[in-house]
Amino acid sequence: MPLLLAIETSTTVCSVALFNGPQLLGTSELQIEKSHSSHITVMISQLVENCGITLQDLEAVVVSGGPGSYTGLRIGSATAKGLCYSLNIPLLEVSTLHGLAAQVVAVTPKPSRFLFCPMLDARRMEVYLCVLNSQLQEVEPVAPVVLDASTLEDRLAEQQIVFMGSGAQKFKELVAENENALFVDNVVPSAITIGQLALQKYEQKTFEDVAYYEPFYLKDVYITKAGKSAK
């Protein structure tokens, strides 16, 4: 079973988790704005020590690849790449949005009945979102969207969608009367979920190029107003 270190720094949450294959060995999490850089390496060192291993035992590092905070993603990416370079081990990436959705899919009875839409808050009425089925396959790709009452209205007319993440509350106010819009509160990015989703990628050897890897900085994309579907 591979020893995987997972790193999540895409939002205000800074978390790390250590896995032996599918088994969670330990995790550490802080929710402190704009201080990931001063905590992440200490958190990793303490976690590895508490689990009774060394960094040299790691077989891969997985990083939450965004979208999210530019600074947070940069810190997580730099930390992960530094470890991979120094230890000569592969780098894996898992979408931050997929990680959010996976948490809700895992606790939803008969999840195939629903679509899942993770939303990360940007600014004003802007969010980063995608829409996934219960197998975490994208039916609407990751995109920056300005929310209004018509966002995803075609899909909401056909099927129930479960929304979660820091941007979902803004949308909840716009679709309060729509019975097909369901919301799960207090779902935040987690290194645990990132690590769980990374195992299949490791087995399939879906590795990133450590030299050229960059996380998904959506802030560089011009954000437009969404119409009937996320675009």
Protein backbone atom coordinates (compact mmCIF):
# COMPACT_ATOMS: atom_id res chain seq x y z
CA MET A 1 0.00 0.00 0.00
CA PRO A 2 1.45 3.41 -0.92
CA LEU A 3 2.14 5.99 1.75
CA LEU A 4 0.51 9.21 0.49
CA LEU A 5 0.70 12.70 1.97
CA ALA A 6 -2.27 14.93 1.09
CA ILE A 7 -2.12 18.74 1.24
CA GLU A 8 -5.13 21.07 1.16
CA THR A 9 -4.52 24.85 1.17
CA SER A 10 -6.95 26.16 -1.45
CA THR A 11 -9.09 28.19 1.00
CA THR A 12 -8.80 29.43 4.58
CA VAL A 13 -8.56 25.80 5.68
CA CYS A 14 -5.04 24.41 5.88
CA SER A 15 -5.00 20.64 6.32
CA VAL A 16 -2.72 17.68 5.78
CA ALA A 17 -3.44 13.96 5.93
CA LEU A 18 -1.37 10.81 5.75
CA PHE A 19 -2.61 7.58 4.17
CA ASN A 20 -1.36 4.04 3.89
CA GLY A 21 -3.36 3.09 0.82
CA PRO A 22 -7.02 3.64 1.76
CA GLN A 23 -6.25 3.73 5.49
CA LEU A 24 -6.08 7.16 7.12
CA LEU A 25 -3.09 7.22 9.46
CA GLY A 26 -3.56 10.77 10.75
CA THR A 27 -4.56 14.30 9.90
CA SER A 28 -4.06 17.88 11.06
CA GLU A 29 -6.18 20.92 10.25
CA LEU A 30 -6.15 24.66 10.95
CA GLN A 31 -8.56 27.35 9.82
CA ILE A 32 -6.55 30.57 9.95
CA GLU A 33 -6.60 33.11 7.13
CA LYS A 34 -3.40 34.12 5.36
CA SER A 35 -1.00 32.08 7.47
CA HIS A 36 -0.68 28.79 5.58
CA SER A 37 2.98 29.46 4.78
CA SER A 38 3.94 29.65 8.44
CA HIS A 39 2.09 26.47 9.42
CA ILE A 40 2.13 23.96 6.58
CA THR A 41 5.67 22.59 6.97
CA VAL A 42 5.31 22.33 10.76
CA MET A 43 1.99 20.52 10.35
CA ILE A 44 3.56 18.03 7.94
CA SER A 45 6.57 17.39 10.18
CA GLN A 46 4.40 16.85 13.25
CA LEU A 47 1.99 14.59 11.38
CA VAL A 48 4.74 12.39 9.99
CA GLU A 49 6.39 12.13 13.41
CA ASN A 50 3.10 11.34 15.15
CA CYS A 51 2.44 8.55 12.66
CA GLY A 52 5.83 7.01 13.33
CA ILE A 53 7.30 7.43 9.87
CA THR A 54 9.78 9.73 8.15
CA LEU A 55 9.41 11.88 5.06
CA GLN A 56 11.67 9.42 3.25
CA ASP A 57 8.96 6.77 3.65
CA LEU A 58 6.50 8.75 1.52
CA GLU A 59 5.69 7.33 -1.91
CA ALA A 60 3.71 10.26 -3.33
CA VAL A 61 2.29 13.67 -2.47
CA VAL A 62 -1.20 14.76 -3.49
CA VAL A 63 -2.20 18.41 -3.57
CA SER A 64 -5.58 20.08 -3.82
CA GLY A 65 -5.28 21.74 -7.22
CA GLY A 66 -7.93 24.41 -7.05
CA PRO A 67 -9.73 26.46 -7.99
CA GLY A 68 -9.34 28.64 -4.94
CA SER A 69 -7.18 31.26 -3.28
CA TYR A 70 -4.18 32.20 -5.41
CA THR A 71 -1.93 32.50 -2.38
CA GLY A 72 -3.21 29.33 -0.75
CA LEU A 73 -2.85 27.28 -3.91
CA ARG A 74 0.65 28.64 -4.52
CA ILE A 75 1.75 27.65 -1.01
CA GLY A 76 0.30 24.16 -1.28
CA SER A 77 1.76 23.64 -4.73
CA ALA A 78 5.22 24.87 -3.75
CA THR A 79 5.25 22.67 -0.66
CA ALA A 80 4.13 19.58 -2.57
CA LYS A 81 6.57 20.15 -5.43
CA GLY A 82 9.42 20.75 -3.01
CA LEU A 83 8.77 17.44 -1.28
CA CYS A 84 8.47 15.58 -4.58
CA TYR A 85 11.72 17.08 -5.87
CA SER A 86 13.68 16.35 -2.71
CA LEU A 87 12.30 12.84 -2.23
CA ASN A 88 12.11 11.94 -5.94
CA ILE A 89 8.49 10.81 -5.65
CA PRO A 90 5.45 11.50 -7.87
CA LEU A 91 3.00 14.37 -7.54
CA LEU A 92 -0.77 13.90 -7.77
CA GLU A 93 -3.51 16.50 -8.08
CA VAL A 94 -7.18 16.34 -7.08
CA SER A 95 -9.66 19.11 -7.88
CA THR A 96 -10.72 21.11 -4.84
CA LEU A 97 -14.30 21.12 -6.13
CA HIS A 98 -14.33 17.36 -6.64
CA GLY A 99 -13.11 16.97 -3.07
CA LEU A 100 -16.03 19.03 -1.77
CA ALA A 101 -18.57 17.05 -3.78
CA ALA A 102 -17.08 13.71 -2.71
CA GLN A 103 -17.75 14.50 0.93
CA VAL A 104 -21.46 14.96 0.24
CA VAL A 105 -21.79 12.05 -2.20
CA ALA A 106 -20.37 9.74 0.47
CA VAL A 107 -23.17 10.53 2.95
CA THR A 108 -26.07 10.87 0.49
CA PRO A 109 -28.52 7.94 0.33
CA LYS A 110 -28.93 6.73 -3.26
CA PRO A 111 -26.68 9.51 -4.62
CA SER A 112 -27.31 8.55 -8.26
CA ARG A 113 -30.64 10.38 -7.98
CA PHE A 114 -28.87 13.72 -7.73
CA LEU A 115 -26.32 15.97 -9.34
CA PHE A 116 -23.79 17.70 -7.11
CA CYS A 117 -22.57 21.28 -7.44
CA PRO A 118 -19.66 22.43 -5.27
CA MET A 119 -19.26 26.21 -5.09
CA LEU A 120 -16.29 28.17 -3.79
CA ASP A 121 -16.83 31.83 -2.95
CA ALA A 122 -14.92 34.37 -5.01
CA ARG A 123 -16.16 37.92 -4.50
CA ARG A 124 -19.50 39.68 -4.63
CA MET A 125 -21.79 37.23 -6.48
CA GLU A 126 -18.95 35.32 -8.10
CA VAL A 127 -18.19 31.66 -7.42
CA TYR A 128 -16.12 28.84 -8.85
CA LEU A 129 -18.31 25.84 -9.61
CA CYS A 130 -18.77 22.63 -11.52
CA VAL A 131 -21.59 20.09 -11.68
CA LEU A 132 -20.89 16.40 -11.16
CA ASN A 133 -22.81 13.15 -11.09
CA SER A 134 -22.53 10.67 -8.23
CA GLN A 135 -19.43 9.13 -9.88
CA LEU A 136 -17.74 12.55 -9.72
CA GLN A 137 -17.83 12.87 -13.49
CA GLU A 138 -18.28 16.46 -14.66
CA VAL A 139 -21.51 17.29 -16.48
CA GLU A 140 -20.69 21.01 -16.26
CA PRO A 141 -16.96 21.83 -16.28
CA VAL A 142 -15.16 23.92 -13.70
CA ALA A 143 -15.86 27.58 -14.41
CA PRO A 144 -16.03 31.00 -12.76
CA VAL A 145 -19.64 32.19 -12.69
CA VAL A 146 -21.54 35.30 -11.63
CA LEU A 147 -24.63 33.95 -9.90
CA ASP A 148 -28.16 35.05 -10.64
CA ALA A 149 -31.58 33.39 -10.43
CA SER A 150 -31.15 31.80 -13.87
CA THR A 151 -27.88 30.02 -13.09
CA LEU A 152 -28.27 26.31 -13.89
CA GLU A 153 -32.02 26.76 -14.33
CA ASP A 154 -32.23 24.22 -17.16
CA ARG A 155 -30.61 21.51 -15.08
CA LEU A 156 -32.64 22.44 -12.00
CA ALA A 157 -35.81 22.07 -14.06
CA GLU A 158 -34.89 18.45 -14.79
CA GLN A 159 -33.15 17.10 -11.70
CA GLN A 160 -32.40 17.79 -8.06
CA ILE A 161 -28.97 19.30 -7.48
CA VAL A 162 -27.16 19.27 -4.15
CA PHE A 163 -25.08 22.41 -3.54
CA MET A 164 -22.25 22.74 -1.04
CA GLY A 165 -19.19 24.86 -0.31
CA SER A 166 -18.46 28.44 0.70
CA GLY A 167 -20.24 29.93 -2.32
CA ALA A 168 -23.47 27.96 -1.98
CA GLN A 169 -25.09 30.26 0.58
CA LYS A 170 -25.19 33.11 -1.94
CA PHE A 171 -26.99 30.91 -4.43
CA LYS A 172 -29.39 29.58 -1.79
CA GLU A 173 -30.90 33.04 -1.43
CA LEU A 174 -31.53 33.23 -5.19
CA VAL A 175 -33.29 29.87 -5.56
CA ALA A 176 -35.08 29.64 -2.22
CA GLU A 177 -38.36 28.65 -3.89
CA ASN A 178 -36.88 25.94 -6.12
CA GLU A 179 -37.53 22.52 -4.60
CA ASN A 180 -34.90 20.93 -6.82
CA ALA A 181 -32.13 23.02 -5.23
CA LEU A 182 -30.85 21.27 -2.11
CA PHE A 183 -28.10 22.58 0.16
CA VAL A 184 -25.64 21.00 2.58
CA ASP A 185 -23.97 23.45 4.96
CA ASN A 186 -20.52 23.45 6.56
CA VAL A 187 -18.69 21.48 3.89
CA VAL A 188 -15.09 22.69 3.66
CA PRO A 189 -12.09 21.44 1.67
CA SER A 190 -10.30 18.59 3.42
CA ALA A 191 -6.98 16.85 2.90
CA ILE A 192 -8.69 13.63 3.96
CA THR A 193 -10.99 13.65 0.94
CA ILE A 194 -8.16 14.72 -1.37
CA GLY A 195 -6.10 11.77 -0.19
CA GLN A 196 -8.98 9.33 -0.63
CA LEU A 197 -9.60 10.46 -4.20
CA ALA A 198 -5.89 10.32 -5.04
CA LEU A 199 -5.46 6.60 -4.44
CA GLN A 200 -7.04 5.61 -7.76
CA LYS A 201 -4.88 8.15 -9.58
CA TYR A 202 -1.80 6.68 -7.92
CA GLU A 203 -2.75 3.16 -8.97
CA GLN A 204 -3.33 4.39 -12.53
CA LYS A 205 -0.04 6.34 -12.42
CA THR A 206 -1.82 9.58 -13.29
CA PHE A 207 1.05 11.75 -12.12
CA GLU A 208 1.71 15.45 -12.67
CA ASP A 209 4.90 16.82 -14.18
CA VAL A 210 6.59 18.20 -11.09
CA ALA A 211 8.68 20.68 -13.06
CA TYR A 212 5.77 22.29 -14.89
CA TYR A 213 2.81 21.71 -12.59
CA GLU A 214 0.64 24.73 -11.76
CA PRO A 215 -2.64 24.67 -9.82
CA PHE A 216 -5.91 25.88 -11.32
CA TYR A 217 -5.73 29.66 -10.79
CA LEU A 218 -9.18 30.70 -11.99
CA LYS A 219 -8.64 34.33 -11.00
CA ASP A 220 -6.80 34.77 -14.28
CA VAL A 221 -9.98 33.95 -16.19
CA TYR A 222 -12.45 36.64 -17.14
CA ILE A 223 -15.62 35.92 -15.18
CA THR A 224 -18.88 36.31 -17.07
CA LYS A 225 -22.50 36.16 -16.07
CA ALA A 226 -23.97 32.67 -16.29
CA GLY A 227 -27.19 32.18 -18.15
CA LYS A 228 -29.16 28.98 -18.20
CA SER A 229 -26.09 26.83 -17.65
CA ALA A 230 -22.67 27.44 -16.17
CA LYS A 231 -20.31 28.64 -18.88
